[in-house]
Protein backbone atom coordinates (compact mmCIF):
# COMPACT_ATOMS: atom_id res chain seq x y z
CA UNK A 1 9.89 -11.51 -14.70
CA UNK A 2 10.52 -14.76 -12.82
CA UNK A 3 14.26 -14.11 -13.15
CA UNK A 4 13.84 -10.89 -11.18
CA UNK A 5 11.89 -12.74 -8.48
CA UNK A 6 14.59 -15.42 -8.28
CA UNK A 7 17.26 -12.74 -7.96
CA UNK A 8 15.25 -10.90 -5.33
CA UNK A 9 14.96 -14.11 -3.31
CA UNK A 10 18.73 -14.18 -3.01
CA UNK A 11 18.54 -10.97 -0.98
CA UNK A 12 15.30 -11.69 0.88
CA UNK A 13 15.60 -11.78 4.64
CA UNK A 14 12.60 -14.03 5.30
CA UNK A 15 11.19 -15.62 2.15
CA UNK A 16 13.02 -18.71 0.93
CA UNK A 17 10.76 -20.01 -1.82
CA UNK A 18 8.33 -18.52 -4.33
CA UNK A 19 6.60 -20.56 -7.01
CA UNK A 20 4.61 -18.69 -9.64
CA UNK A 21 2.98 -19.89 -12.83
CA UNK A 22 -0.15 -21.18 -14.49
CA UNK A 23 -1.66 -24.22 -12.78
CA UNK A 24 0.90 -24.44 -9.95
CA UNK A 25 -1.58 -24.89 -7.11
CA UNK A 26 -0.71 -28.58 -7.00
CA UNK A 27 2.88 -27.71 -6.03
CA UNK A 28 1.94 -26.35 -2.60
CA UNK A 29 2.77 -29.62 -0.85
CA UNK A 30 6.14 -29.92 -2.54
CA UNK A 31 7.04 -26.33 -1.65
CA UNK A 32 5.94 -26.91 1.94
CA UNK A 33 8.05 -30.01 2.52
CA UNK A 34 11.12 -28.49 0.89
CA UNK A 35 10.79 -25.42 3.08
CA UNK A 36 9.51 -26.77 6.39
CA UNK A 37 10.56 -30.43 6.32
CA UNK A 38 8.27 -32.74 8.30
CA UNK A 39 6.43 -29.95 10.12
CA UNK A 40 2.66 -30.10 10.49
CA UNK A 41 0.48 -27.56 8.69
CA UNK A 42 -2.72 -25.76 9.56
CA UNK A 43 -4.69 -24.18 6.73
CA UNK A 44 -6.09 -20.69 7.34
CA UNK A 45 -8.78 -19.41 4.98
CA UNK A 46 -12.15 -17.74 4.85
CA UNK A 47 -15.20 -19.38 3.34
CA UNK A 48 -14.56 -17.68 0.00
CA UNK A 49 -10.90 -18.61 -0.40
CA UNK A 50 -11.56 -22.10 0.90
CA UNK A 51 -14.24 -22.48 -1.72
CA UNK A 52 -11.91 -21.63 -4.62
CA UNK A 53 -8.71 -23.33 -3.46
CA UNK A 54 -9.06 -25.01 -0.07
CA UNK A 55 -9.59 -28.60 -1.15
CA UNK A 56 -6.88 -28.40 -3.83
CA UNK A 57 -4.34 -27.04 -1.37
CA UNK A 58 -5.34 -29.62 1.22
CA UNK A 59 -4.95 -32.46 -1.29
CA UNK A 60 -1.54 -31.18 -2.43
CA UNK A 61 -0.30 -31.13 1.16
CA UNK A 62 -1.73 -34.58 1.90
CA UNK A 63 -0.20 -36.02 -1.27
CA UNK A 64 3.17 -34.68 -0.09
CA UNK A 65 2.75 -36.46 3.24
CA UNK A 66 2.16 -33.34 5.32
CA UNK A 67 0.22 -33.89 8.55
CA UNK A 68 -2.65 -31.43 8.84
CA UNK A 69 -4.40 -29.88 11.81
CA UNK A 70 -8.08 -29.02 11.50
CA UNK A 71 -8.33 -25.98 9.18
CA UNK A 72 -9.18 -22.56 10.58
CA UNK A 73 -11.85 -21.03 8.36
CA UNK A 74 -13.22 -17.55 8.97
CA UNK A 75 -16.72 -16.59 7.77
CA UNK A 76 -16.95 -15.24 4.25
CA UNK A 77 -19.55 -12.60 5.10
CA UNK A 78 -19.22 -10.01 6.44
CA UNK A 79 -15.85 -9.56 4.82
CA UNK A 80 -12.93 -9.94 7.20
CA UNK A 81 -11.39 -6.66 8.39
CA UNK A 82 -7.67 -6.07 8.97
CA UNK A 83 -8.17 -5.22 12.64
CA UNK A 84 -5.94 -6.31 15.47
CA UNK A 85 -8.85 -8.11 17.12
CA UNK A 86 -8.76 -10.61 14.25
CA UNK A 87 -5.00 -11.04 14.69
CA UNK A 88 -5.62 -11.85 18.35
CA UNK A 89 -8.38 -14.32 17.47
CA UNK A 90 -6.16 -16.19 15.01
CA UNK A 91 -3.11 -16.09 17.27
CA UNK A 92 -5.13 -17.69 20.07
CA UNK A 93 -6.15 -20.50 17.73
CA UNK A 94 -2.63 -21.04 16.42
CA UNK A 95 -0.81 -20.89 19.75
CA UNK A 96 -1.69 -24.38 21.04
CA UNK A 97 -0.91 -25.96 17.66
CA UNK A 98 2.55 -27.19 16.75
CA UNK A 99 2.01 -26.35 13.09
CA UNK A 100 3.00 -23.94 10.33
CA UNK A 101 0.11 -21.74 9.23
CA UNK A 102 -0.61 -21.90 5.50
CA UNK A 103 -2.92 -19.05 4.59
CA UNK A 104 -5.08 -19.32 1.51
CA UNK A 105 -5.63 -15.65 1.18
CA UNK A 106 -5.36 -12.30 -0.48
CA UNK A 107 -4.63 -9.07 1.40
CA UNK A 108 -6.46 -8.97 4.71
CA UNK A 109 -6.22 -12.59 5.77
CA UNK A 110 -2.60 -12.78 4.63
CA UNK A 111 -1.72 -9.81 6.85
CA UNK A 112 -3.65 -11.26 9.79
CA UNK A 113 -1.86 -14.59 9.45
CA UNK A 114 1.48 -12.86 8.98
CA UNK A 115 1.21 -10.80 12.15
CA UNK A 116 -0.32 -13.59 14.24
CA UNK A 117 2.50 -15.94 13.20
CA UNK A 118 5.09 -13.23 13.75
CA UNK A 119 3.87 -12.55 17.28
CA UNK A 120 4.18 -16.27 18.02
CA UNK A 121 7.70 -16.35 16.55
CA UNK A 122 6.63 -18.82 13.89
CA UNK A 123 7.19 -19.20 10.17
CA UNK A 124 4.23 -19.25 7.81
CA UNK A 125 3.36 -19.82 4.15
CA UNK A 126 0.84 -18.17 1.85
CA UNK A 127 -1.12 -19.33 -1.19
CA UNK A 128 -2.08 -16.19 -3.10
CA UNK A 129 -5.69 -16.07 -4.28
CA UNK A 130 -5.85 -12.67 -6.03
CA UNK A 131 -3.54 -10.04 -7.50
CA UNK A 132 -5.01 -7.60 -5.00
CA UNK A 133 -2.10 -6.06 -3.06
CA UNK A 134 1.67 -5.87 -2.71
CA UNK A 135 1.92 -7.26 0.81
CA UNK A 136 2.23 -10.96 0.01
CA UNK A 137 6.03 -10.99 0.15
CA UNK A 138 6.39 -7.88 2.28
CA UNK A 139 7.98 -7.39 5.65
CA UNK A 140 5.26 -6.14 8.01
CA UNK A 141 1.48 -6.21 8.04
CA UNK A 142 -0.88 -3.27 7.62
CA UNK A 143 -3.23 -3.66 10.58
CA UNK A 144 -5.48 -1.25 12.44
CA UNK A 145 -5.11 -1.22 16.22
CA UNK A 146 -6.76 1.21 18.61
CA UNK A 147 -8.06 3.17 15.63
CA UNK A 148 -4.70 3.74 13.92
CA UNK A 149 -3.54 1.87 10.84
CA UNK A 150 0.16 1.42 10.28
CA UNK A 151 2.54 -1.25 8.99
CA UNK A 152 3.39 -3.37 12.02
CA UNK A 153 6.67 -5.24 12.17
CA UNK A 154 6.63 -8.96 11.47
CA UNK A 155 8.50 -11.29 9.11
CA UNK A 156 7.38 -11.96 5.56
CA UNK A 157 6.15 -15.46 4.64
CA UNK A 158 8.81 -18.13 4.35
CA UNK A 159 7.20 -19.52 1.20
CA UNK A 160 4.64 -18.38 -1.39
CA UNK A 161 2.71 -20.04 -4.20
CA UNK A 162 0.99 -17.78 -6.73
CA UNK A 163 -1.12 -19.50 -9.38
CA UNK A 164 -1.91 -16.98 -12.13
CA UNK A 165 -5.01 -18.88 -13.24
CA UNK A 166 -6.45 -18.83 -9.73
CA UNK A 167 -5.65 -15.14 -9.38
CA UNK A 168 -7.18 -14.33 -12.78
CA UNK A 169 -10.44 -15.97 -11.68
CA UNK A 170 -10.73 -13.75 -8.61
CA UNK A 171 -13.49 -11.12 -8.46
CA UNK A 172 -12.66 -8.22 -10.76
CA UNK A 173 -12.77 -5.74 -7.91
CA UNK A 174 -9.79 -7.53 -6.32
CA UNK A 175 -7.70 -7.15 -9.48
CA UNK A 176 -8.66 -3.47 -9.68
CA UNK A 177 -7.65 -3.18 -6.03
CA UNK A 178 -4.22 -4.65 -6.81
CA UNK A 179 -3.65 -2.21 -9.63
CA UNK A 180 -4.76 0.64 -7.35
CA UNK A 181 -2.19 -0.43 -4.77
CA UNK A 182 0.50 -0.80 -7.42
CA UNK A 183 -0.01 2.43 -9.32
CA UNK A 184 0.81 4.53 -6.25
CA UNK A 185 4.43 3.43 -6.74
CA UNK A 186 4.56 6.04 -9.51
CA UNK A 187 4.18 9.20 -7.37
CA UNK A 188 5.47 7.24 -4.37
CA UNK A 189 8.73 6.78 -6.24
CA UNK A 190 8.81 10.52 -6.88
CA UNK A 191 8.42 11.12 -3.14
CA UNK A 192 11.50 8.99 -2.52
CA UNK A 193 13.42 10.94 -5.15
CA UNK A 194 12.51 14.17 -3.33
CA UNK A 195 13.76 12.75 -0.02
CA UNK A 196 16.92 11.50 -1.74
CA UNK A 197 17.64 14.82 -3.43
CA UNK A 198 17.39 16.62 -0.09
CA UNK A 199 19.64 14.12 1.68
CA UNK A 200 16.83 12.98 3.98
CA UNK A 201 16.48 9.37 2.84
CA UNK A 202 18.74 7.93 0.18
CA UNK A 203 17.33 5.83 -2.64
CA UNK A 204 18.43 2.20 -2.43
CA UNK A 205 19.20 1.45 -6.06
CA UNK A 206 18.66 -2.29 -5.69
CA UNK A 207 15.18 -2.09 -4.21
CA UNK A 208 14.33 0.86 -6.46
CA UNK A 209 15.02 -1.36 -9.46
CA UNK A 210 12.85 -4.19 -8.13
CA UNK A 211 9.82 -1.91 -7.96
CA UNK A 212 10.35 0.74 -10.59
CA UNK A 213 12.01 -1.38 -13.29
CA UNK A 214 8.96 -3.49 -14.27
CA UNK A 215 6.34 -1.01 -13.02
CA UNK A 216 5.21 0.57 -16.29
CA UNK A 217 4.87 -2.78 -18.01
CA UNK A 218 2.71 -4.09 -15.15
CA UNK A 219 0.40 -1.08 -15.55
CA UNK A 220 0.26 -1.26 -19.33
CA UNK A 221 -2.75 -3.54 -19.90
CA UNK A 222 -5.66 -2.42 -17.68
CA UNK A 223 -8.15 -3.71 -20.25
CA UNK A 224 -6.64 -7.18 -20.14
CA UNK A 225 -6.71 -7.10 -16.35
CA UNK A 226 -10.37 -6.08 -16.38
CA UNK A 227 -11.11 -8.99 -18.72
CA UNK A 228 -9.39 -11.46 -16.39
CA UNK A 229 -6.68 -12.28 -18.93
CA UNK A 230 -4.24 -14.59 -17.14
CA UNK A 231 -1.25 -13.22 -19.05
CA UNK A 232 -2.05 -9.67 -17.96
CA UNK A 233 -2.54 -10.93 -14.40
CA UNK A 234 0.91 -12.51 -14.58
CA UNK A 235 2.59 -9.13 -15.02
CA UNK A 236 0.54 -7.51 -12.27
CA UNK A 237 1.04 -10.40 -9.83
CA UNK A 238 4.79 -10.57 -10.39
CA UNK A 239 5.21 -6.83 -9.88
CA UNK A 240 3.15 -6.98 -6.68
CA UNK A 241 5.42 -9.78 -5.44
CA UNK A 242 8.52 -7.79 -6.39
CA UNK A 243 7.20 -4.80 -4.49
CA UNK A 244 6.77 -6.97 -1.43
CA UNK A 245 10.28 -8.39 -1.80
CA UNK A 246 11.61 -4.85 -2.12
CA UNK A 247 9.94 -3.88 1.15
CA UNK A 248 11.35 -7.03 2.72
CA UNK A 249 14.86 -6.24 1.53
CA UNK A 250 14.56 -2.62 2.69
CA UNK A 251 12.80 -3.57 5.95
CA UNK A 252 10.44 -0.70 5.24
CA UNK A 253 7.46 0.11 3.03
CA UNK A 254 9.29 3.14 1.59
CA UNK A 255 10.00 1.42 -1.79
CA UNK A 256 6.27 0.96 -2.34
CA UNK A 257 4.46 3.68 -0.43
CA UNK A 258 4.35 7.46 -0.66
CA UNK A 259 1.97 10.32 0.00
CA UNK A 260 -0.83 8.67 -1.99
CA UNK A 261 -1.03 5.84 0.53
CA UNK A 262 -1.54 8.35 3.31
CA UNK A 263 -4.85 9.43 1.80
CA UNK A 264 -6.05 5.84 2.00
CA UNK A 265 -4.74 5.37 5.54
CA UNK A 266 -6.51 8.52 6.70
CA UNK A 267 -9.85 7.34 5.32
CA UNK A 268 -9.33 3.81 6.64
CA UNK A 269 -8.59 5.03 10.16
CA UNK A 270 -11.76 7.11 10.02
CA UNK A 271 -13.64 3.93 9.16
CA UNK A 272 -14.71 5.11 5.74
CA UNK A 273 -16.26 2.33 3.68
CA UNK A 274 -15.82 -0.35 6.34
CA UNK A 275 -19.57 -0.80 6.62
CA UNK A 276 -19.90 -1.51 2.90
CA UNK A 277 -20.17 -5.12 1.83
CA UNK A 278 -17.67 -5.89 0.61
CA UNK A 279 -15.78 -3.09 2.41
CA UNK A 280 -14.14 -0.35 0.39
CA UNK A 281 -10.70 -1.85 -0.11
CA UNK A 282 -7.29 -0.41 0.61
CA UNK A 283 -6.28 -0.46 -3.05
CA UNK A 284 -9.47 1.29 -4.15
CA UNK A 285 -8.71 4.15 -1.78
CA UNK A 286 -5.01 4.15 -2.67
CA UNK A 287 -5.94 4.57 -6.33
CA UNK A 288 -7.79 7.78 -5.49
CA UNK A 289 -4.87 8.83 -3.30
CA UNK A 290 -2.58 8.27 -6.27
CA UNK A 291 -4.62 10.67 -8.36
CA UNK A 292 -4.54 13.17 -5.48
CA UNK A 293 -0.76 13.08 -5.07
CA UNK A 294 -0.15 13.02 -8.84
CA UNK A 295 -2.19 16.22 -9.08
CA UNK A 296 0.29 17.83 -6.67
CA UNK A 297 3.23 16.89 -8.89
CA UNK A 298 1.42 18.29 -11.92
CA UNK A 299 1.46 21.84 -10.51
CA UNK A 300 4.97 21.96 -9.02
CA UNK A 301 6.45 23.83 -11.98
CA UNK A 302 3.85 26.59 -11.47
CA UNK A 303 5.28 27.51 -8.06
CA UNK A 304 7.58 30.46 -7.49
CA UNK A 305 9.94 28.71 -5.10
CA UNK A 306 12.65 31.28 -5.79
CA UNK A 307 10.49 33.91 -4.09
CA UNK A 308 10.31 32.01 -0.80
CA UNK A 309 12.28 33.85 1.91
CA UNK A 310 13.99 31.32 4.25
CA UNK A 311 14.34 33.80 7.11
CA UNK A 312 10.72 34.87 6.84
CA UNK A 313 9.63 31.25 6.78
CA UNK A 314 11.69 30.60 9.92
CA UNK A 315 10.16 33.62 11.66
CA UNK A 316 6.63 32.38 11.01
CA UNK A 317 7.43 28.73 11.83
CA UNK A 318 5.07 27.10 14.29
CA UNK A 319 6.41 26.32 17.74
CA UNK A 320 6.18 22.67 18.84
CA UNK A 321 3.06 23.54 20.82
CA UNK A 322 1.50 25.36 17.89
CA UNK A 323 2.30 22.49 15.56
CA UNK A 324 0.70 20.07 18.01
CA UNK A 325 -2.40 22.25 17.99
CA UNK A 326 -2.41 22.15 14.18
CA UNK A 327 -2.49 18.35 14.37
CA UNK A 328 -5.20 18.38 17.04
CA UNK A 329 -7.36 20.68 14.92
CA UNK A 330 -6.88 18.51 11.83
CA UNK A 331 -7.41 15.19 13.61
CA UNK A 332 -10.43 15.34 15.94
CA UNK A 333 -10.67 11.55 16.37
CA UNK A 334 -8.68 10.79 19.56
CA UNK A 335 -6.96 7.59 18.40
CA UNK A 336 -5.82 9.16 15.12
CA UNK A 337 -4.87 12.38 16.88
CA UNK A 338 -2.58 10.68 19.38
CA UNK A 339 -0.74 8.69 16.75
CA UNK A 340 -0.55 11.64 14.32
CA UNK A 341 1.02 13.75 17.05
CA UNK A 342 3.75 11.15 17.46
CA UNK A 343 4.39 10.86 13.72
CA UNK A 344 4.41 14.62 13.19
CA UNK A 345 6.70 15.29 16.13
CA UNK A 346 9.17 12.82 14.64
CA UNK A 347 9.59 14.99 11.55
CA UNK A 348 9.21 18.40 13.18
CA UNK A 349 12.11 20.77 12.45
CA UNK A 350 13.20 23.17 15.23
CA UNK A 351 12.82 26.80 14.27
CA UNK A 352 16.58 27.39 14.27
CA UNK A 353 16.95 24.81 11.47
CA UNK A 354 14.09 26.00 9.28
CA UNK A 355 15.93 28.64 7.23
CA UNK A 356 18.64 26.14 6.38
CA UNK A 357 16.08 23.50 5.33
CA UNK A 358 14.12 25.97 3.20
CA UNK A 359 17.29 27.15 1.52
CA UNK A 360 18.23 23.53 0.86
CA UNK A 361 14.91 22.91 -0.86
CA UNK A 362 15.30 26.11 -2.91
CA UNK A 363 18.83 25.15 -3.95
CA UNK A 364 17.66 21.71 -5.08
CA UNK A 365 14.25 22.65 -6.47
CA UNK A 366 15.22 22.51 -10.13
CA UNK A 367 16.97 19.21 -9.58
CA UNK A 368 13.82 17.90 -7.88
CA UNK A 369 11.70 18.96 -10.85
CA UNK A 370 14.16 17.39 -13.28
CA UNK A 371 14.22 14.09 -11.39
CA UNK A 372 10.49 13.68 -10.79
CA UNK A 373 9.31 14.74 -14.25
CA UNK A 374 10.17 11.44 -15.99
CA UNK A 375 8.89 9.50 -12.97
CA UNK A 376 5.36 10.82 -12.54
CA UNK A 377 2.19 10.50 -14.56
CA UNK A 378 -0.58 13.08 -14.77
CA UNK A 379 -3.67 12.61 -12.60
CA UNK A 380 -5.74 12.23 -15.77
CA UNK A 381 -3.51 9.37 -16.94
CA UNK A 382 -3.81 7.66 -13.57
CA UNK A 383 -7.59 8.10 -13.58
CA UNK A 384 -7.87 6.63 -17.08
CA UNK A 385 -5.96 3.48 -16.08
CA UNK A 386 -8.07 3.03 -12.96
CA UNK A 387 -11.26 3.52 -14.94
CA UNK A 388 -10.25 0.96 -17.56
CA UNK A 389 -9.36 -1.67 -14.96
CA UNK A 390 -12.76 -1.22 -13.32
CA UNK A 391 -11.70 0.64 -10.19
CA UNK A 392 -12.90 3.97 -8.78
CA UNK A 393 -11.25 7.01 -10.34
CA UNK A 394 -13.05 9.90 -8.66
CA UNK A 395 -13.82 10.61 -5.02
CA UNK A 396 -17.55 10.74 -5.82
CA UNK A 397 -17.42 6.98 -6.44
CA UNK A 398 -16.18 6.26 -2.93
CA UNK A 399 -18.50 8.73 -1.19
CA UNK A 400 -15.78 11.27 -0.36
CA UNK A 401 -16.90 14.87 -0.80
CA UNK A 402 -14.70 17.48 -2.43
CA UNK A 403 -14.52 19.34 0.89
CA UNK A 404 -13.38 16.18 2.66
CA UNK A 405 -10.82 15.49 -0.05
CA UNK A 406 -9.45 19.01 0.34
CA UNK A 407 -9.13 18.49 4.09
CA UNK A 408 -7.39 15.17 3.52
CA UNK A 409 -4.53 16.91 1.71
CA UNK A 410 -3.69 18.49 5.06
CA UNK A 411 -4.57 15.54 7.27
CA UNK A 412 -2.53 13.07 5.25
CA UNK A 413 0.62 15.12 5.82
CA UNK A 414 0.32 14.54 9.58
CA UNK A 415 -0.05 10.78 9.89
CA UNK A 416 3.38 9.53 8.87
CA UNK A 417 6.91 10.64 9.61
CA UNK A 418 8.07 9.50 6.16
CA UNK A 419 9.17 12.49 4.06
CA UNK A 420 7.17 13.22 0.90
CA UNK A 421 6.51 16.13 -1.43
CA UNK A 422 3.76 17.23 0.97
CA UNK A 423 6.39 17.85 3.65
CA UNK A 424 8.61 19.83 1.29
CA UNK A 425 5.67 22.03 0.35
CA UNK A 426 4.68 22.49 3.98
CA UNK A 427 8.23 23.52 4.86
CA UNK A 428 8.30 26.01 1.99
CA UNK A 429 4.98 27.44 3.12
CA UNK A 430 3.45 26.57 -0.26
CA UNK A 431 1.11 23.72 0.67
CA UNK A 432 -1.89 26.05 0.93
CA UNK A 433 -1.15 27.50 -2.51
CA UNK A 434 -0.91 24.05 -4.07
CA UNK A 435 -4.16 22.85 -2.52
CA UNK A 436 -5.95 26.00 -3.65
CA UNK A 437 -4.63 25.46 -7.18
CA UNK A 438 -6.02 21.92 -7.25
CA UNK A 439 -9.47 23.08 -6.19
CA UNK A 440 -9.47 26.46 -7.96
CA UNK A 441 -11.03 27.32 -11.33
CA UNK A 442 -8.22 25.71 -13.32
CA UNK A 443 -7.53 22.93 -10.86
CA UNK A 444 -7.68 19.21 -11.50
CA UNK A 445 -10.45 18.48 -9.02
CA UNK A 446 -12.61 21.32 -10.30
CA UNK A 447 -12.41 20.03 -13.86
CA UNK A 448 -12.17 16.25 -13.43
CA UNK A 449 -15.29 14.67 -14.96
CA UNK A 450 -17.58 13.36 -12.23
CA UNK A 451 -18.75 9.81 -13.04
CA UNK A 452 -22.48 9.44 -13.45
CA UNK A 453 -22.64 5.91 -12.05
CA UNK A 454 -22.16 7.06 -8.46
CA UNK A 455 -20.51 5.04 -5.73
CA UNK A 456 -18.96 1.68 -6.41
CA UNK A 457 -20.37 -0.14 -3.38
CA UNK A 458 -21.60 -2.73 -3.11
CA UNK A 459 -19.67 -4.42 -5.90
CA UNK A 460 -19.00 -8.14 -6.24
């Protein structure tokens, strides 16, 4: 897959160098000097990542003649949270230094370093410590500010080093987190196909290929990933990097994020699992969101879309004020409510356009079904992969009740302007029917086996 990464680098807007392989940690210094010349470096880590790679990275930089500032090392416990207050703290430490930040990090600390460097207008480099998320090479950082989590604009790292052996030795929960983040590209890709079919957001064939081309192979060995097999980690890590490069090329997270991610974002903004140690991770929640959105796709062919009356749907369409009230009722937390109102207003359709949109969906419904069928997997298939890799595969394991999950189907539709299958169903007036199917006597969530081992936290 390294050929794909090399090709993707040719079209990357920010990243100039990526070195992947077994035992490549010693090449950090060489990559740094080739990329940044005689610039100084400042290492950014937490106590955990410093413990597994800090001294090796430091030695590699020193051997390459790189001048080093005193490293910035965050505590290892409690686990660092991707909150804007931590971005501010790091930015304040970096600002007086004339040095390139080199983060030794997985998801959270990488995003914090990325945004802090971006706000200072500086380049940065990352040494990947786990195959735990797709944001390493991505444009933007997923950070919570004022209670609302969203991808915030900032450049991707200028250089990356990913040592498969180091990543394979990471805690198993981090690998399961990475697979949870990655597997959402399956229904997320279907969401993009829906938007493309309706002429709302065209598929970019180049970035589609970066993500979707190697995706099934990267998901094919959950048992090897659970066992820490470095060869299995190689496929997962490369696909996570490619997903990030795709987002970088597209200047958007669309190639790698669909409705399933919105379930995770909703729970994250509500603070769910943040008081666990370690906290319930983004990828763990995304994995459950992937099951949730895949369950929607499983019942699409049961819907009588032909019976939907466009004029009737237009007549019953909510006014802007009524739609705002719908959001307010669904989102009682003020910070989430305010942001959700903005996102939902951005995709609100005026009543006079509703009949035309509904007719468009009806006209293209069979084509939508035909296009998404080979793309999606069943929720049971997704759950089996997550179970085998050692991640949560039922809401009971992450302390989400069935009632809360049911509510999240509606809440998640409000928090992002990006068009997904949930929006098409809402516009058709069929979202209620779909949700009731999923929780009815024959529905997935009614019949999904509930694990007997309870919640996953705390897990190390």
